[in-house]
Amino acid sequence: MDSVKKDLRNKISDYSQFAKILLMISVFFSLGIAFQGTEKSLNQLFTMMGVTLAFLLGSTIIFSRVKKLQKILNEELEEDNLSA
């Protein structure tokens, strides 16, 4: 059982870090859209907005996966506490 909990903790940690990185990159892209130093074509702006939205969506999906894994881990810990 300890290996299952350890694997869950590792997955939660990895997914959280990856989601945070996606979130940070999307913030930088959105800042690049908001504060333009040079004139960009409409195609470039739409591409940047699309990538920003994709990263935000990916981050949201991964954070929801982390929440599910955290719930599973908590259930495992409660089960161990009840059996002890």
N, C-alpha and C. Protein backbone atom coordinates (compact mmCIF):
# COMPACT_ATOMS: atom_id res chain seq x y z
N MET A 1 0.81 -1.20 0.00
CA MET A 1 0.00 0.00 0.00
C MET A 1 0.85 1.27 0.00
N ASP A 2 2.01 1.20 0.65
CA ASP A 2 2.86 2.39 0.69
C ASP A 2 3.33 2.80 -0.69
N SER A 3 3.59 1.82 -1.55
CA SER A 3 4.06 2.15 -2.91
C SER A 3 2.95 2.86 -3.70
N VAL A 4 1.70 2.48 -3.46
CA VAL A 4 0.58 3.14 -4.14
C VAL A 4 0.48 4.59 -3.69
N LYS A 5 0.59 4.81 -2.38
CA LYS A 5 0.53 6.18 -1.86
C LYS A 5 1.71 7.01 -2.34
N LYS A 6 2.87 6.38 -2.38
CA LYS A 6 4.06 7.09 -2.85
C LYS A 6 3.90 7.48 -4.33
N ASP A 7 3.38 6.55 -5.13
CA ASP A 7 3.15 6.85 -6.54
C ASP A 7 2.13 7.98 -6.71
N LEU A 8 1.07 7.94 -5.91
CA LEU A 8 0.07 9.01 -5.98
C LEU A 8 0.67 10.36 -5.60
N ARG A 9 1.47 10.37 -4.55
CA ARG A 9 2.11 11.63 -4.13
C ARG A 9 3.04 12.16 -5.22
N ASN A 10 3.79 11.25 -5.85
CA ASN A 10 4.70 11.67 -6.93
C ASN A 10 3.92 12.21 -8.13
N LYS A 11 2.82 11.54 -8.47
CA LYS A 11 2.00 12.03 -9.59
C LYS A 11 1.40 13.39 -9.27
N ILE A 12 0.91 13.56 -8.05
CA ILE A 12 0.33 14.84 -7.65
C ILE A 12 1.37 15.94 -7.75
N SER A 13 2.56 15.66 -7.27
CA SER A 13 3.64 16.64 -7.32
C SER A 13 4.02 17.00 -8.76
N ASP A 14 4.19 15.99 -9.59
CA ASP A 14 4.58 16.22 -10.99
C ASP A 14 3.49 16.98 -11.75
N TYR A 15 2.24 16.54 -11.60
CA TYR A 15 1.15 17.21 -12.30
C TYR A 15 1.00 18.65 -11.84
N SER A 16 1.15 18.89 -10.53
CA SER A 16 1.03 20.26 -10.02
C SER A 16 2.11 21.16 -10.60
N GLN A 17 3.33 20.66 -10.64
CA GLN A 17 4.43 21.46 -11.19
C GLN A 17 4.21 21.75 -12.67
N PHE A 18 3.77 20.74 -13.41
CA PHE A 18 3.54 20.94 -14.85
C PHE A 18 2.41 21.93 -15.09
N ALA A 19 1.34 21.84 -14.31
CA ALA A 19 0.22 22.78 -14.46
C ALA A 19 0.65 24.20 -14.11
N LYS A 20 1.49 24.35 -13.09
CA LYS A 20 1.98 25.68 -12.72
C LYS A 20 2.85 26.27 -13.83
N ILE A 21 3.66 25.44 -14.46
CA ILE A 21 4.49 25.91 -15.57
C ILE A 21 3.62 26.36 -16.74
N LEU A 22 2.60 25.58 -17.08
CA LEU A 22 1.68 25.98 -18.15
C LEU A 22 0.99 27.30 -17.82
N LEU A 23 0.61 27.45 -16.56
CA LEU A 23 -0.04 28.68 -16.13
C LEU A 23 0.90 29.87 -16.25
N MET A 24 2.15 29.70 -15.85
CA MET A 24 3.13 30.79 -15.95
C MET A 24 3.39 31.17 -17.40
N ILE A 25 3.52 30.18 -18.28
CA ILE A 25 3.76 30.48 -19.68
C ILE A 25 2.58 31.22 -20.28
N SER A 26 1.36 30.82 -19.92
CA SER A 26 0.18 31.51 -20.45
C SER A 26 0.12 32.95 -19.96
N VAL A 27 0.59 33.20 -18.74
CA VAL A 27 0.64 34.58 -18.23
C VAL A 27 1.62 35.40 -19.07
N PHE A 28 2.78 34.84 -19.37
CA PHE A 28 3.75 35.56 -20.19
C PHE A 28 3.21 35.84 -21.59
N PHE A 29 2.51 34.87 -22.17
CA PHE A 29 1.91 35.09 -23.49
C PHE A 29 0.84 36.17 -23.43
N SER A 30 0.03 36.16 -22.38
CA SER A 30 -1.02 37.18 -22.29
C SER A 30 -0.42 38.56 -22.06
N LEU A 31 0.69 38.63 -21.33
CA LEU A 31 1.38 39.91 -21.18
C LEU A 31 1.95 40.38 -22.52
N GLY A 32 2.43 39.44 -23.30
CA GLY A 32 2.94 39.78 -24.63
C GLY A 32 1.84 40.30 -25.54
N ILE A 33 0.63 39.81 -25.36
CA ILE A 33 -0.50 40.31 -26.15
C ILE A 33 -0.91 41.69 -25.67
N ALA A 34 -0.94 41.87 -24.35
CA ALA A 34 -1.42 43.13 -23.77
C ALA A 34 -0.43 44.28 -24.01
N PHE A 35 0.85 44.01 -23.85
CA PHE A 35 1.86 45.06 -23.97
C PHE A 35 2.74 44.78 -25.18
N GLN A 36 2.28 45.21 -26.32
CA GLN A 36 3.01 44.97 -27.56
C GLN A 36 4.03 46.08 -27.78
N GLY A 37 5.28 45.67 -28.01
CA GLY A 37 6.31 46.64 -28.30
C GLY A 37 6.33 47.04 -29.77
N THR A 38 5.99 46.10 -30.61
CA THR A 38 5.98 46.35 -32.04
C THR A 38 4.60 45.99 -32.59
N GLU A 39 4.39 46.40 -33.81
CA GLU A 39 3.12 46.09 -34.49
C GLU A 39 3.12 44.63 -34.91
N LYS A 40 2.09 43.92 -34.52
CA LYS A 40 1.96 42.52 -34.89
C LYS A 40 0.76 42.35 -35.82
N SER A 41 0.87 41.39 -36.71
CA SER A 41 -0.25 41.15 -37.61
C SER A 41 -1.38 40.47 -36.84
N LEU A 42 -2.56 40.50 -37.42
CA LEU A 42 -3.72 39.88 -36.79
C LEU A 42 -3.52 38.38 -36.63
N ASN A 43 -2.85 37.77 -37.59
CA ASN A 43 -2.58 36.34 -37.51
C ASN A 43 -1.71 36.00 -36.31
N GLN A 44 -0.69 36.81 -36.05
CA GLN A 44 0.18 36.58 -34.91
C GLN A 44 -0.58 36.74 -33.59
N LEU A 45 -1.43 37.76 -33.51
CA LEU A 45 -2.21 37.97 -32.30
C LEU A 45 -3.16 36.82 -32.03
N PHE A 46 -3.86 36.34 -33.05
CA PHE A 46 -4.78 35.23 -32.87
C PHE A 46 -4.04 33.95 -32.49
N THR A 47 -2.85 33.77 -33.05
CA THR A 47 -2.05 32.60 -32.70
C THR A 47 -1.63 32.68 -31.24
N MET A 48 -1.16 33.83 -30.81
CA MET A 48 -0.76 33.99 -29.41
C MET A 48 -1.94 33.82 -28.46
N MET A 49 -3.10 34.34 -28.83
CA MET A 49 -4.28 34.17 -27.98
C MET A 49 -4.70 32.71 -27.93
N GLY A 50 -4.62 32.02 -29.07
CA GLY A 50 -4.98 30.60 -29.10
C GLY A 50 -4.05 29.75 -28.25
N VAL A 51 -2.76 30.04 -28.32
CA VAL A 51 -1.80 29.30 -27.51
C VAL A 51 -2.02 29.59 -26.03
N THR A 52 -2.29 30.85 -25.71
CA THR A 52 -2.57 31.22 -24.32
C THR A 52 -3.79 30.46 -23.79
N LEU A 53 -4.85 30.44 -24.58
CA LEU A 53 -6.05 29.72 -24.15
C LEU A 53 -5.81 28.22 -24.03
N ALA A 54 -5.02 27.67 -24.96
CA ALA A 54 -4.71 26.24 -24.90
C ALA A 54 -3.92 25.91 -23.63
N PHE A 55 -2.96 26.75 -23.28
CA PHE A 55 -2.17 26.51 -22.07
C PHE A 55 -3.03 26.66 -20.83
N LEU A 56 -3.93 27.66 -20.82
CA LEU A 56 -4.83 27.82 -19.68
C LEU A 56 -5.77 26.62 -19.54
N LEU A 57 -6.28 26.14 -20.65
CA LEU A 57 -7.15 24.98 -20.64
C LEU A 57 -6.38 23.74 -20.16
N GLY A 58 -5.18 23.56 -20.66
CA GLY A 58 -4.35 22.44 -20.22
C GLY A 58 -4.05 22.49 -18.74
N SER A 59 -3.75 23.68 -18.25
CA SER A 59 -3.49 23.86 -16.83
C SER A 59 -4.72 23.53 -15.99
N THR A 60 -5.88 23.97 -16.45
CA THR A 60 -7.13 23.69 -15.73
C THR A 60 -7.41 22.19 -15.70
N ILE A 61 -7.21 21.52 -16.81
CA ILE A 61 -7.45 20.08 -16.88
C ILE A 61 -6.50 19.34 -15.94
N ILE A 62 -5.25 19.74 -15.93
CA ILE A 62 -4.27 19.07 -15.08
C ILE A 62 -4.57 19.34 -13.61
N PHE A 63 -4.97 20.57 -13.26
CA PHE A 63 -5.32 20.85 -11.88
C PHE A 63 -6.54 20.05 -11.43
N SER A 64 -7.50 19.82 -12.33
CA SER A 64 -8.64 18.99 -11.96
C SER A 64 -8.21 17.54 -11.76
N ARG A 65 -7.25 17.08 -12.55
CA ARG A 65 -6.70 15.73 -12.37
C ARG A 65 -5.99 15.62 -11.03
N VAL A 66 -5.26 16.68 -10.64
CA VAL A 66 -4.58 16.69 -9.35
C VAL A 66 -5.60 16.60 -8.22
N LYS A 67 -6.70 17.32 -8.37
CA LYS A 67 -7.74 17.29 -7.34
C LYS A 67 -8.31 15.88 -7.19
N LYS A 68 -8.53 15.17 -8.30
CA LYS A 68 -9.04 13.80 -8.24
C LYS A 68 -8.03 12.87 -7.58
N LEU A 69 -6.75 13.02 -7.95
CA LEU A 69 -5.72 12.18 -7.35
C LEU A 69 -5.58 12.46 -5.86
N GLN A 70 -5.71 13.73 -5.46
CA GLN A 70 -5.64 14.09 -4.05
C GLN A 70 -6.79 13.45 -3.27
N LYS A 71 -7.96 13.42 -3.89
CA LYS A 71 -9.11 12.79 -3.25
C LYS A 71 -8.87 11.29 -3.07
N ILE A 72 -8.31 10.63 -4.08
CA ILE A 72 -8.00 9.21 -3.99
C ILE A 72 -6.97 8.97 -2.89
N LEU A 73 -5.95 9.82 -2.81
CA LEU A 73 -4.92 9.68 -1.79
C LEU A 73 -5.52 9.86 -0.40
N ASN A 74 -6.39 10.84 -0.23
CA ASN A 74 -7.02 11.05 1.07
C ASN A 74 -7.87 9.86 1.47
N GLU A 75 -8.57 9.25 0.52
CA GLU A 75 -9.36 8.07 0.81
C GLU A 75 -8.46 6.91 1.24
N GLU A 76 -7.33 6.76 0.58
CA GLU A 76 -6.38 5.71 0.96
C GLU A 76 -5.86 5.94 2.38
N LEU A 77 -5.55 7.18 2.71
CA LEU A 77 -5.04 7.49 4.04
C LEU A 77 -6.11 7.27 5.11
N GLU A 78 -7.35 7.65 4.83
CA GLU A 78 -8.44 7.41 5.76
C GLU A 78 -8.68 5.92 5.96
N GLU A 79 -8.58 5.18 4.89
CA GLU A 79 -8.75 3.73 4.97
C GLU A 79 -7.67 3.11 5.86
N ASP A 80 -6.44 3.60 5.73
CA ASP A 80 -5.36 3.09 6.57
C ASP A 80 -5.57 3.49 8.03
N ASN A 81 -6.08 4.70 8.27
CA ASN A 81 -6.31 5.15 9.64
C ASN A 81 -7.43 4.33 10.30
N LEU A 82 -8.43 3.94 9.54
CA LEU A 82 -9.52 3.17 10.10
C LEU A 82 -9.09 1.73 10.41
N SER A 83 -8.21 1.20 9.58
CA SER A 83 -7.76 -0.18 9.80
C SER A 83 -6.69 -0.28 10.89
N ALA A 84 -6.07 0.82 11.22
CA ALA A 84 -4.99 0.80 12.23
C ALA A 84 -5.52 0.86 13.64
